[in-house]
All heavy atoms as atom14 arrays in JSON, in Angstrom:
{
  "sequence": "DICRGFEIVDDAFVHTGFYRPNLTLRVTFCSSGGKTELLLDRLKNR",
  "atom14_mask": [
    [1, 1, 1, 1, 1, 1, 1, 1, 0, 0, 0, 0, 0, 0],
    [1, 1, 1, 1, 1, 1, 1, 1, 0, 0, 0, 0, 0, 0],
    [1, 1, 1, 1, 1, 1, 0, 0, 0, 0, 0, 0, 0, 0],
    [1, 1, 1, 1, 1, 1, 1, 1, 1, 1, 1, 0, 0, 0],
    [1, 1, 1, 1, 0, 0, 0, 0, 0, 0, 0, 0, 0, 0],
    [1, 1, 1, 1, 1, 1, 1, 1, 1, 1, 1, 0, 0, 0],
    [1, 1, 1, 1, 1, 1, 1, 1, 1, 0, 0, 0, 0, 0],
    [1, 1, 1, 1, 1, 1, 1, 1, 0, 0, 0, 0, 0, 0],
    [1, 1, 1, 1, 1, 1, 1, 0, 0, 0, 0, 0, 0, 0],
    [1, 1, 1, 1, 1, 1, 1, 1, 0, 0, 0, 0, 0, 0],
    [1, 1, 1, 1, 1, 1, 1, 1, 0, 0, 0, 0, 0, 0],
    [1, 1, 1, 1, 1, 0, 0, 0, 0, 0, 0, 0, 0, 0],
    [1, 1, 1, 1, 1, 1, 1, 1, 1, 1, 1, 0, 0, 0],
    [1, 1, 1, 1, 1, 1, 1, 0, 0, 0, 0, 0, 0, 0],
    [1, 1, 1, 1, 1, 1, 1, 1, 1, 1, 0, 0, 0, 0],
    [1, 1, 1, 1, 1, 1, 1, 0, 0, 0, 0, 0, 0, 0],
    [1, 1, 1, 1, 0, 0, 0, 0, 0, 0, 0, 0, 0, 0],
    [1, 1, 1, 1, 1, 1, 1, 1, 1, 1, 1, 0, 0, 0],
    [1, 1, 1, 1, 1, 1, 1, 1, 1, 1, 1, 1, 0, 0],
    [1, 1, 1, 1, 1, 1, 1, 1, 1, 1, 1, 0, 0, 0],
    [1, 1, 1, 1, 1, 1, 1, 0, 0, 0, 0, 0, 0, 0],
    [1, 1, 1, 1, 1, 1, 1, 1, 0, 0, 0, 0, 0, 0],
    [1, 1, 1, 1, 1, 1, 1, 1, 0, 0, 0, 0, 0, 0],
    [1, 1, 1, 1, 1, 1, 1, 0, 0, 0, 0, 0, 0, 0],
    [1, 1, 1, 1, 1, 1, 1, 1, 0, 0, 0, 0, 0, 0],
    [1, 1, 1, 1, 1, 1, 1, 1, 1, 1, 1, 0, 0, 0],
    [1, 1, 1, 1, 1, 1, 1, 0, 0, 0, 0, 0, 0, 0],
    [1, 1, 1, 1, 1, 1, 1, 0, 0, 0, 0, 0, 0, 0],
    [1, 1, 1, 1, 1, 1, 1, 1, 1, 1, 1, 0, 0, 0],
    [1, 1, 1, 1, 1, 1, 0, 0, 0, 0, 0, 0, 0, 0],
    [1, 1, 1, 1, 1, 1, 0, 0, 0, 0, 0, 0, 0, 0],
    [1, 1, 1, 1, 1, 1, 0, 0, 0, 0, 0, 0, 0, 0],
    [1, 1, 1, 1, 0, 0, 0, 0, 0, 0, 0, 0, 0, 0],
    [1, 1, 1, 1, 0, 0, 0, 0, 0, 0, 0, 0, 0, 0],
    [1, 1, 1, 1, 1, 1, 1, 1, 1, 0, 0, 0, 0, 0],
    [1, 1, 1, 1, 1, 1, 1, 0, 0, 0, 0, 0, 0, 0],
    [1, 1, 1, 1, 1, 1, 1, 1, 1, 0, 0, 0, 0, 0],
    [1, 1, 1, 1, 1, 1, 1, 1, 0, 0, 0, 0, 0, 0],
    [1, 1, 1, 1, 1, 1, 1, 1, 0, 0, 0, 0, 0, 0],
    [1, 1, 1, 1, 1, 1, 1, 1, 0, 0, 0, 0, 0, 0],
    [1, 1, 1, 1, 1, 1, 1, 1, 0, 0, 0, 0, 0, 0],
    [1, 1, 1, 1, 1, 1, 1, 1, 1, 1, 1, 0, 0, 0],
    [1, 1, 1, 1, 1, 1, 1, 1, 0, 0, 0, 0, 0, 0],
    [1, 1, 1, 1, 1, 1, 1, 1, 1, 0, 0, 0, 0, 0],
    [1, 1, 1, 1, 1, 1, 1, 1, 0, 0, 0, 0, 0, 0],
    [1, 1, 1, 1, 1, 1, 1, 1, 1, 1, 1, 0, 0, 0]
  ],
  "atom14_positions": [
    [[-89.38, 85.05, -74.2], [-90.61, 84.84, -74.99], [-90.46, 83.85, -76.1], [-91.19, 83.0, -76.4], [-91.14, 86.2, -75.47], [-92.61, 86.12, -75.96], [-93.37, 85.41, -75.28], [-92.94, 86.79, -76.98], [0.0, 0.0, 0.0], [0.0, 0.0, 0.0], [0.0, 0.0, 0.0], [0.0, 0.0, 0.0], [0.0, 0.0, 0.0], [0.0, 0.0, 0.0]],
    [[-89.33, 84.01, -76.84], [-89.02, 83.11, -78.0], [-88.8, 81.73, -77.48], [-89.29, 80.81, -78.02], [-87.78, 83.69, -78.77], [-88.06, 84.94, -79.48], [-87.29, 82.63, -79.84], [-86.88, 85.69, -80.08], [0.0, 0.0, 0.0], [0.0, 0.0, 0.0], [0.0, 0.0, 0.0], [0.0, 0.0, 0.0], [0.0, 0.0, 0.0], [0.0, 0.0, 0.0]],
    [[-88.02, 81.57, -76.44], [-87.76, 80.25, -75.88], [-89.06, 79.59, -75.34], [-89.21, 78.41, -75.6], [-86.77, 80.42, -74.73], [-85.09, 80.72, -75.23], [0.0, 0.0, 0.0], [0.0, 0.0, 0.0], [0.0, 0.0, 0.0], [0.0, 0.0, 0.0], [0.0, 0.0, 0.0], [0.0, 0.0, 0.0], [0.0, 0.0, 0.0], [0.0, 0.0, 0.0]],
    [[-89.93, 80.37, -74.79], [-91.13, 79.77, -74.34], [-92.01, 79.41, -75.53], [-92.6, 78.29, -75.52], [-91.96, 80.85, -73.45], [-93.19, 80.33, -72.86], [-93.92, 81.27, -71.93], [-94.17, 82.62, -72.51], [-93.53, 83.69, -72.23], [-92.56, 83.73, -71.28], [-93.77, 84.84, -72.77], [0.0, 0.0, 0.0], [0.0, 0.0, 0.0], [0.0, 0.0, 0.0]],
    [[-92.15, 80.21, -76.46], [-92.91, 79.92, -77.64], [-92.55, 78.65, -78.41], [-93.33, 77.84, -78.8], [0.0, 0.0, 0.0], [0.0, 0.0, 0.0], [0.0, 0.0, 0.0], [0.0, 0.0, 0.0], [0.0, 0.0, 0.0], [0.0, 0.0, 0.0], [0.0, 0.0, 0.0], [0.0, 0.0, 0.0], [0.0, 0.0, 0.0], [0.0, 0.0, 0.0]],
    [[-91.16, 78.5, -78.56], [-90.66, 77.35, -79.3], [-90.24, 76.24, -78.38], [-89.67, 75.23, -78.82], [-89.49, 77.84, -80.11], [-89.79, 78.62, -81.35], [-89.87, 79.97, -81.36], [-90.18, 77.94, -82.57], [-90.2, 80.73, -82.4], [-90.52, 78.69, -83.69], [-90.56, 80.04, -83.62], [0.0, 0.0, 0.0], [0.0, 0.0, 0.0], [0.0, 0.0, 0.0]],
    [[-90.49, 76.38, -77.09], [-90.08, 75.35, -76.08], [-88.63, 75.01, -76.1], [-88.2, 73.89, -76.15], [-91.02, 74.07, -76.25], [-92.48, 74.31, -76.06], [-93.38, 73.16, -76.29], [-92.75, 72.07, -76.7], [-94.59, 73.22, -76.12], [0.0, 0.0, 0.0], [0.0, 0.0, 0.0], [0.0, 0.0, 0.0], [0.0, 0.0, 0.0], [0.0, 0.0, 0.0]],
    [[-87.81, 76.1, -76.12], [-86.37, 75.87, -76.19], [-85.87, 75.84, -74.72], [-86.08, 76.68, -73.89], [-85.71, 77.16, -76.91], [-86.15, 77.22, -78.33], [-84.18, 77.01, -76.81], [-85.83, 78.43, -79.1], [0.0, 0.0, 0.0], [0.0, 0.0, 0.0], [0.0, 0.0, 0.0], [0.0, 0.0, 0.0], [0.0, 0.0, 0.0], [0.0, 0.0, 0.0]],
    [[-85.08, 74.77, -74.45], [-84.64, 74.61, -73.07], [-83.43, 75.56, -72.79], [-82.81, 76.02, -73.79], [-84.21, 73.14, -72.88], [-85.4, 72.2, -72.99], [-83.05, 72.72, -73.8], [0.0, 0.0, 0.0], [0.0, 0.0, 0.0], [0.0, 0.0, 0.0], [0.0, 0.0, 0.0], [0.0, 0.0, 0.0], [0.0, 0.0, 0.0], [0.0, 0.0, 0.0]],
    [[-83.19, 75.78, -71.52], [-82.13, 76.76, -71.14], [-80.79, 76.37, -71.81], [-80.05, 77.33, -72.21], [-81.94, 76.75, -69.58], [-83.2, 77.37, -68.93], [-84.01, 78.02, -69.67], [-83.36, 77.26, -67.71], [0.0, 0.0, 0.0], [0.0, 0.0, 0.0], [0.0, 0.0, 0.0], [0.0, 0.0, 0.0], [0.0, 0.0, 0.0], [0.0, 0.0, 0.0]],
    [[-80.39, 75.13, -71.83], [-79.08, 74.72, -72.35], [-78.97, 75.01, -73.88], [-77.89, 75.1, -74.38], [-78.89, 73.23, -72.17], [-78.64, 72.93, -70.69], [-78.4, 73.94, -69.93], [-78.62, 71.72, -70.37], [0.0, 0.0, 0.0], [0.0, 0.0, 0.0], [0.0, 0.0, 0.0], [0.0, 0.0, 0.0], [0.0, 0.0, 0.0], [0.0, 0.0, 0.0]],
    [[-80.14, 75.17, -74.61], [-80.07, 75.4, -75.97], [-80.13, 76.9, -76.36], [-80.12, 77.24, -77.55], [-81.23, 74.66, -76.72], [0.0, 0.0, 0.0], [0.0, 0.0, 0.0], [0.0, 0.0, 0.0], [0.0, 0.0, 0.0], [0.0, 0.0, 0.0], [0.0, 0.0, 0.0], [0.0, 0.0, 0.0], [0.0, 0.0, 0.0], [0.0, 0.0, 0.0]],
    [[-80.17, 77.76, -75.32], [-80.15, 79.21, -75.57], [-78.7, 79.73, -75.63], [-77.92, 79.49, -74.69], [-80.93, 79.96, -74.47], [-80.79, 81.45, -74.53], [-81.15, 82.18, -75.59], [-80.12, 82.14, -73.46], [-81.05, 83.54, -75.62], [-79.98, 83.5, -73.49], [-80.45, 84.18, -74.54], [0.0, 0.0, 0.0], [0.0, 0.0, 0.0], [0.0, 0.0, 0.0]],
    [[-78.25, 80.26, -76.77], [-76.93, 80.79, -76.88], [-76.89, 82.28, -77.02], [-77.6, 82.85, -77.92], [-76.25, 80.15, -78.1], [-74.79, 80.67, -78.27], [-76.22, 78.64, -77.97], [0.0, 0.0, 0.0], [0.0, 0.0, 0.0], [0.0, 0.0, 0.0], [0.0, 0.0, 0.0], [0.0, 0.0, 0.0], [0.0, 0.0, 0.0], [0.0, 0.0, 0.0]],
    [[-76.15, 83.06, -76.18], [-76.01, 84.41, -76.3], [-74.55, 84.76, -76.56], [-73.73, 84.53, -75.75], [-76.55, 85.08, -74.93], [-76.46, 86.6, -74.96], [-75.35, 87.28, -74.65], [-77.4, 87.49, -75.28], [-75.6, 88.58, -74.73], [-76.89, 88.75, -75.12], [0.0, 0.0, 0.0], [0.0, 0.0, 0.0], [0.0, 0.0, 0.0], [0.0, 0.0, 0.0]],
    [[-74.28, 85.42, -77.7], [-72.86, 85.58, -78.12], [-72.33, 86.93, -77.69], [-71.09, 87.11, -77.79], [-72.75, 85.47, -79.66], [-73.58, 86.41, -80.24], [-73.11, 84.06, -80.21], [0.0, 0.0, 0.0], [0.0, 0.0, 0.0], [0.0, 0.0, 0.0], [0.0, 0.0, 0.0], [0.0, 0.0, 0.0], [0.0, 0.0, 0.0], [0.0, 0.0, 0.0]],
    [[-73.16, 87.82, -77.19], [-72.66, 89.12, -76.7], [-72.77, 90.16, -77.75], [-72.67, 89.93, -78.92], [0.0, 0.0, 0.0], [0.0, 0.0, 0.0], [0.0, 0.0, 0.0], [0.0, 0.0, 0.0], [0.0, 0.0, 0.0], [0.0, 0.0, 0.0], [0.0, 0.0, 0.0], [0.0, 0.0, 0.0], [0.0, 0.0, 0.0], [0.0, 0.0, 0.0]],
    [[-72.83, 91.41, -77.24], [-73.02, 92.6, -78.07], [-71.84, 93.48, -78.21], [-71.74, 94.34, -79.02], [-74.17, 93.47, -77.64], [-75.52, 92.75, -77.82], [-76.15, 92.0, -76.8], [-76.23, 92.92, -79.03], [-77.37, 91.33, -77.08], [-77.45, 92.32, -79.23], [-78.02, 91.59, -78.2], [0.0, 0.0, 0.0], [0.0, 0.0, 0.0], [0.0, 0.0, 0.0]],
    [[-70.87, 93.34, -77.27], [-69.8, 94.38, -77.12], [-68.87, 94.31, -78.38], [-68.39, 93.36, -78.69], [-69.0, 94.12, -75.88], [-67.91, 95.09, -75.61], [-68.14, 96.48, -75.73], [-66.6, 94.72, -75.33], [-67.15, 97.4, -75.53], [-65.6, 95.6, -75.15], [-65.89, 96.95, -75.26], [-64.87, 97.84, -75.01], [0.0, 0.0, 0.0], [0.0, 0.0, 0.0]],
    [[-68.65, 95.57, -78.94], [-67.78, 95.67, -80.1], [-66.69, 96.86, -79.62], [-66.99, 98.0, -79.72], [-68.5, 96.22, -81.3], [-69.64, 95.27, -81.76], [-69.15, 94.19, -82.71], [-68.42, 94.85, -83.85], [-69.05, 95.43, -84.93], [-70.35, 95.47, -85.0], [-68.36, 96.01, -85.92], [0.0, 0.0, 0.0], [0.0, 0.0, 0.0], [0.0, 0.0, 0.0]],
    [[-65.54, 96.37, -79.2], [-64.55, 97.34, -78.66], [-64.08, 98.3, -79.73], [-63.52, 99.36, -79.3], [-63.45, 96.46, -78.14], [-63.55, 95.11, -78.9], [-65.1, 95.01, -79.14], [0.0, 0.0, 0.0], [0.0, 0.0, 0.0], [0.0, 0.0, 0.0], [0.0, 0.0, 0.0], [0.0, 0.0, 0.0], [0.0, 0.0, 0.0], [0.0, 0.0, 0.0]],
    [[-64.17, 98.06, -81.02], [-63.68, 98.94, -82.06], [-64.63, 100.09, -82.39], [-64.38, 100.92, -83.25], [-63.27, 98.2, -83.27], [-64.41, 97.47, -83.96], [-65.28, 96.86, -83.29], [-64.56, 97.64, -85.3], [0.0, 0.0, 0.0], [0.0, 0.0, 0.0], [0.0, 0.0, 0.0], [0.0, 0.0, 0.0], [0.0, 0.0, 0.0], [0.0, 0.0, 0.0]],
    [[-65.81, 100.05, -81.81], [-66.83, 101.07, -82.11], [-66.84, 102.13, -81.05], [-66.98, 101.96, -79.84], [-68.23, 100.49, -82.26], [-68.52, 99.42, -83.25], [-69.94, 99.07, -83.3], [-67.99, 99.85, -84.65], [0.0, 0.0, 0.0], [0.0, 0.0, 0.0], [0.0, 0.0, 0.0], [0.0, 0.0, 0.0], [0.0, 0.0, 0.0], [0.0, 0.0, 0.0]],
    [[-66.7, 103.42, -81.52], [-66.78, 104.65, -80.64], [-68.18, 105.22, -80.69], [-68.53, 105.66, -81.85], [-65.74, 105.65, -80.99], [-64.43, 105.07, -80.75], [-65.82, 106.86, -80.08], [0.0, 0.0, 0.0], [0.0, 0.0, 0.0], [0.0, 0.0, 0.0], [0.0, 0.0, 0.0], [0.0, 0.0, 0.0], [0.0, 0.0, 0.0], [0.0, 0.0, 0.0]],
    [[-68.96, 105.2, -79.68], [-70.27, 105.71, -79.68], [-70.38, 107.14, -79.29], [-70.01, 107.47, -78.09], [-71.2, 104.82, -78.78], [-71.21, 103.31, -79.09], [-72.4, 102.64, -78.32], [-71.36, 103.04, -80.6], [0.0, 0.0, 0.0], [0.0, 0.0, 0.0], [0.0, 0.0, 0.0], [0.0, 0.0, 0.0], [0.0, 0.0, 0.0], [0.0, 0.0, 0.0]],
    [[-70.71, 108.04, -80.22], [-70.73, 109.51, -79.86], [-72.2, 109.95, -79.88], [-73.06, 109.4, -80.61], [-69.91, 110.36, -80.89], [-68.48, 109.88, -81.12], [-67.61, 109.92, -79.91], [-67.59, 111.16, -79.25], [-66.46, 111.94, -79.13], [-65.33, 111.6, -79.76], [-66.46, 113.06, -78.43], [0.0, 0.0, 0.0], [0.0, 0.0, 0.0], [0.0, 0.0, 0.0]],
    [[-72.49, 110.98, -79.08], [-73.81, 111.6, -79.04], [-73.65, 113.15, -79.05], [-72.87, 113.68, -78.23], [-74.62, 111.28, -77.79], [-75.98, 111.95, -77.84], [-74.87, 109.75, -77.71], [0.0, 0.0, 0.0], [0.0, 0.0, 0.0], [0.0, 0.0, 0.0], [0.0, 0.0, 0.0], [0.0, 0.0, 0.0], [0.0, 0.0, 0.0], [0.0, 0.0, 0.0]],
    [[-74.21, 113.81, -80.02], [-74.1, 115.25, -80.13], [-75.46, 115.86, -80.22], [-76.28, 115.53, -81.02], [-73.26, 115.72, -81.41], [-72.03, 115.11, -81.36], [-73.12, 117.19, -81.48], [0.0, 0.0, 0.0], [0.0, 0.0, 0.0], [0.0, 0.0, 0.0], [0.0, 0.0, 0.0], [0.0, 0.0, 0.0], [0.0, 0.0, 0.0], [0.0, 0.0, 0.0]],
    [[-75.78, 116.72, -79.28], [-77.11, 117.41, -79.25], [-77.02, 118.65, -80.23], [-76.09, 119.34, -80.22], [-77.44, 117.92, -77.85], [-77.82, 116.79, -76.94], [-77.65, 116.96, -75.51], [-78.21, 115.59, -77.35], [-77.97, 115.94, -74.67], [-78.56, 114.52, -76.52], [-78.44, 114.76, -75.19], [0.0, 0.0, 0.0], [0.0, 0.0, 0.0], [0.0, 0.0, 0.0]],
    [[-78.05, 118.82, -81.01], [-78.08, 119.85, -81.93], [-79.5, 120.09, -82.36], [-80.35, 119.26, -82.23], [-77.24, 119.62, -83.17], [-77.58, 118.1, -84.1], [0.0, 0.0, 0.0], [0.0, 0.0, 0.0], [0.0, 0.0, 0.0], [0.0, 0.0, 0.0], [0.0, 0.0, 0.0], [0.0, 0.0, 0.0], [0.0, 0.0, 0.0], [0.0, 0.0, 0.0]],
    [[-79.75, 121.37, -82.86], [-81.12, 121.69, -83.39], [-81.33, 120.96, -84.69], [-80.39, 120.56, -85.4], [-81.23, 123.2, -83.56], [-80.41, 123.57, -84.63], [0.0, 0.0, 0.0], [0.0, 0.0, 0.0], [0.0, 0.0, 0.0], [0.0, 0.0, 0.0], [0.0, 0.0, 0.0], [0.0, 0.0, 0.0], [0.0, 0.0, 0.0], [0.0, 0.0, 0.0]],
    [[-82.58, 120.79, -85.09], [-82.9, 120.13, -86.36], [-82.26, 120.88, -87.52], [-81.75, 120.25, -88.4], [-84.39, 120.05, -86.51], [-85.03, 119.31, -85.52], [0.0, 0.0, 0.0], [0.0, 0.0, 0.0], [0.0, 0.0, 0.0], [0.0, 0.0, 0.0], [0.0, 0.0, 0.0], [0.0, 0.0, 0.0], [0.0, 0.0, 0.0], [0.0, 0.0, 0.0]],
    [[-82.2, 122.23, -87.46], [-81.72, 123.0, -88.56], [-80.2, 123.0, -88.7], [-79.67, 123.4, -89.77], [0.0, 0.0, 0.0], [0.0, 0.0, 0.0], [0.0, 0.0, 0.0], [0.0, 0.0, 0.0], [0.0, 0.0, 0.0], [0.0, 0.0, 0.0], [0.0, 0.0, 0.0], [0.0, 0.0, 0.0], [0.0, 0.0, 0.0], [0.0, 0.0, 0.0]],
    [[-79.47, 122.53, -87.68], [-78.05, 122.6, -87.7], [-77.37, 121.28, -88.06], [-76.15, 121.16, -88.1], [0.0, 0.0, 0.0], [0.0, 0.0, 0.0], [0.0, 0.0, 0.0], [0.0, 0.0, 0.0], [0.0, 0.0, 0.0], [0.0, 0.0, 0.0], [0.0, 0.0, 0.0], [0.0, 0.0, 0.0], [0.0, 0.0, 0.0], [0.0, 0.0, 0.0]],
    [[-78.18, 120.27, -88.3], [-77.6, 118.92, -88.47], [-76.78, 118.74, -89.78], [-75.79, 118.13, -89.81], [-78.7, 117.86, -88.46], [-79.29, 117.7, -87.07], [-80.37, 116.62, -87.1], [-81.03, 116.45, -85.72], [-82.03, 115.34, -85.7], [0.0, 0.0, 0.0], [0.0, 0.0, 0.0], [0.0, 0.0, 0.0], [0.0, 0.0, 0.0], [0.0, 0.0, 0.0]],
    [[-77.34, 119.36, -90.91], [-76.59, 119.08, -92.17], [-75.23, 119.74, -92.16], [-74.25, 119.17, -92.67], [-77.44, 119.67, -93.28], [-78.78, 119.08, -93.23], [-76.81, 119.41, -94.64], [0.0, 0.0, 0.0], [0.0, 0.0, 0.0], [0.0, 0.0, 0.0], [0.0, 0.0, 0.0], [0.0, 0.0, 0.0], [0.0, 0.0, 0.0], [0.0, 0.0, 0.0]],
    [[-75.14, 120.99, -91.58], [-73.87, 121.7, -91.47], [-72.99, 120.92, -90.61], [-71.71, 120.78, -90.92], [-74.04, 123.1, -90.93], [-74.63, 124.06, -91.88], [-73.76, 124.17, -93.17], [-72.52, 124.28, -93.01], [-74.28, 124.27, -94.25], [0.0, 0.0, 0.0], [0.0, 0.0, 0.0], [0.0, 0.0, 0.0], [0.0, 0.0, 0.0], [0.0, 0.0, 0.0]],
    [[-73.47, 120.28, -89.5], [-72.58, 119.47, -88.57], [-72.07, 118.23, -89.31], [-70.91, 117.86, -89.18], [-73.47, 119.08, -87.35], [-72.69, 118.3, -86.28], [-71.56, 119.05, -85.7], [-73.67, 117.91, -85.18], [0.0, 0.0, 0.0], [0.0, 0.0, 0.0], [0.0, 0.0, 0.0], [0.0, 0.0, 0.0], [0.0, 0.0, 0.0], [0.0, 0.0, 0.0]],
    [[-72.98, 117.6, -90.14], [-72.51, 116.46, -90.92], [-71.45, 116.84, -91.87], [-70.42, 116.06, -91.96], [-73.72, 115.88, -91.66], [-74.49, 114.77, -91.04], [-75.68, 114.42, -91.94], [-73.62, 113.55, -90.78], [0.0, 0.0, 0.0], [0.0, 0.0, 0.0], [0.0, 0.0, 0.0], [0.0, 0.0, 0.0], [0.0, 0.0, 0.0], [0.0, 0.0, 0.0]],
    [[-71.57, 117.96, -92.53], [-70.56, 118.41, -93.48], [-69.19, 118.61, -92.75], [-68.13, 118.21, -93.28], [-71.0, 119.67, -94.19], [-71.91, 119.55, -95.38], [-72.49, 120.92, -95.7], [-71.15, 118.97, -96.58], [0.0, 0.0, 0.0], [0.0, 0.0, 0.0], [0.0, 0.0, 0.0], [0.0, 0.0, 0.0], [0.0, 0.0, 0.0], [0.0, 0.0, 0.0]],
    [[-69.35, 119.12, -91.61], [-68.07, 119.37, -90.81], [-67.42, 118.05, -90.46], [-66.16, 117.92, -90.59], [-68.39, 120.15, -89.51], [-67.18, 120.42, -88.69], [-66.31, 121.21, -89.06], [-67.08, 119.74, -87.57], [0.0, 0.0, 0.0], [0.0, 0.0, 0.0], [0.0, 0.0, 0.0], [0.0, 0.0, 0.0], [0.0, 0.0, 0.0], [0.0, 0.0, 0.0]],
    [[-68.21, 117.07, -90.06], [-67.71, 115.69, -89.74], [-67.06, 115.06, -90.95], [-65.93, 114.51, -90.83], [-68.8, 114.87, -89.23], [-69.46, 115.31, -87.9], [-68.54, 115.17, -86.75], [-69.22, 115.33, -85.48], [-69.2, 116.42, -84.72], [-68.58, 117.52, -85.16], [-69.83, 116.51, -83.57], [0.0, 0.0, 0.0], [0.0, 0.0, 0.0], [0.0, 0.0, 0.0]],
    [[-67.77, 115.13, -92.09], [-67.23, 114.44, -93.3], [-65.98, 115.1, -93.74], [-65.08, 114.4, -94.32], [-68.29, 114.52, -94.37], [-69.58, 113.7, -94.15], [-70.62, 113.96, -95.23], [-69.31, 112.19, -94.01], [0.0, 0.0, 0.0], [0.0, 0.0, 0.0], [0.0, 0.0, 0.0], [0.0, 0.0, 0.0], [0.0, 0.0, 0.0], [0.0, 0.0, 0.0]],
    [[-65.78, 116.46, -93.6], [-64.56, 117.07, -94.08], [-63.45, 116.9, -93.11], [-62.21, 116.81, -93.55], [-64.83, 118.61, -94.12], [-65.69, 119.03, -95.35], [-65.91, 120.5, -95.38], [-66.8, 120.97, -96.62], [-67.1, 122.37, -96.48], [0.0, 0.0, 0.0], [0.0, 0.0, 0.0], [0.0, 0.0, 0.0], [0.0, 0.0, 0.0], [0.0, 0.0, 0.0]],
    [[-63.68, 116.83, -91.82], [-62.58, 116.87, -90.82], [-62.19, 115.55, -90.27], [-61.23, 115.41, -89.48], [-62.95, 117.86, -89.69], [-63.0, 119.23, -90.22], [-62.07, 119.77, -90.83], [-64.09, 119.9, -89.89], [0.0, 0.0, 0.0], [0.0, 0.0, 0.0], [0.0, 0.0, 0.0], [0.0, 0.0, 0.0], [0.0, 0.0, 0.0], [0.0, 0.0, 0.0]],
    [[-62.98, 114.52, -90.56], [-62.59, 113.16, -90.15], [-61.92, 112.46, -91.29], [-62.25, 112.69, -92.48], [-63.79, 112.39, -89.66], [-64.26, 112.9, -88.21], [-65.53, 112.11, -87.81], [-65.83, 112.49, -86.41], [-66.95, 112.32, -85.77], [-68.0, 111.74, -86.45], [-67.13, 112.58, -84.57], [0.0, 0.0, 0.0], [0.0, 0.0, 0.0], [0.0, 0.0, 0.0]]
  ]
}
């Protein structure tokens, strides 16, 4: 959409990539009421 709006040709589009190998992505399911205690645990033990 941006390229079309600004009439940017294919050769002028640069994509540098998103991958960051040093980032560990974690997901933890928890109830709304338990988040603060979980955060405290993370801050203390990491």
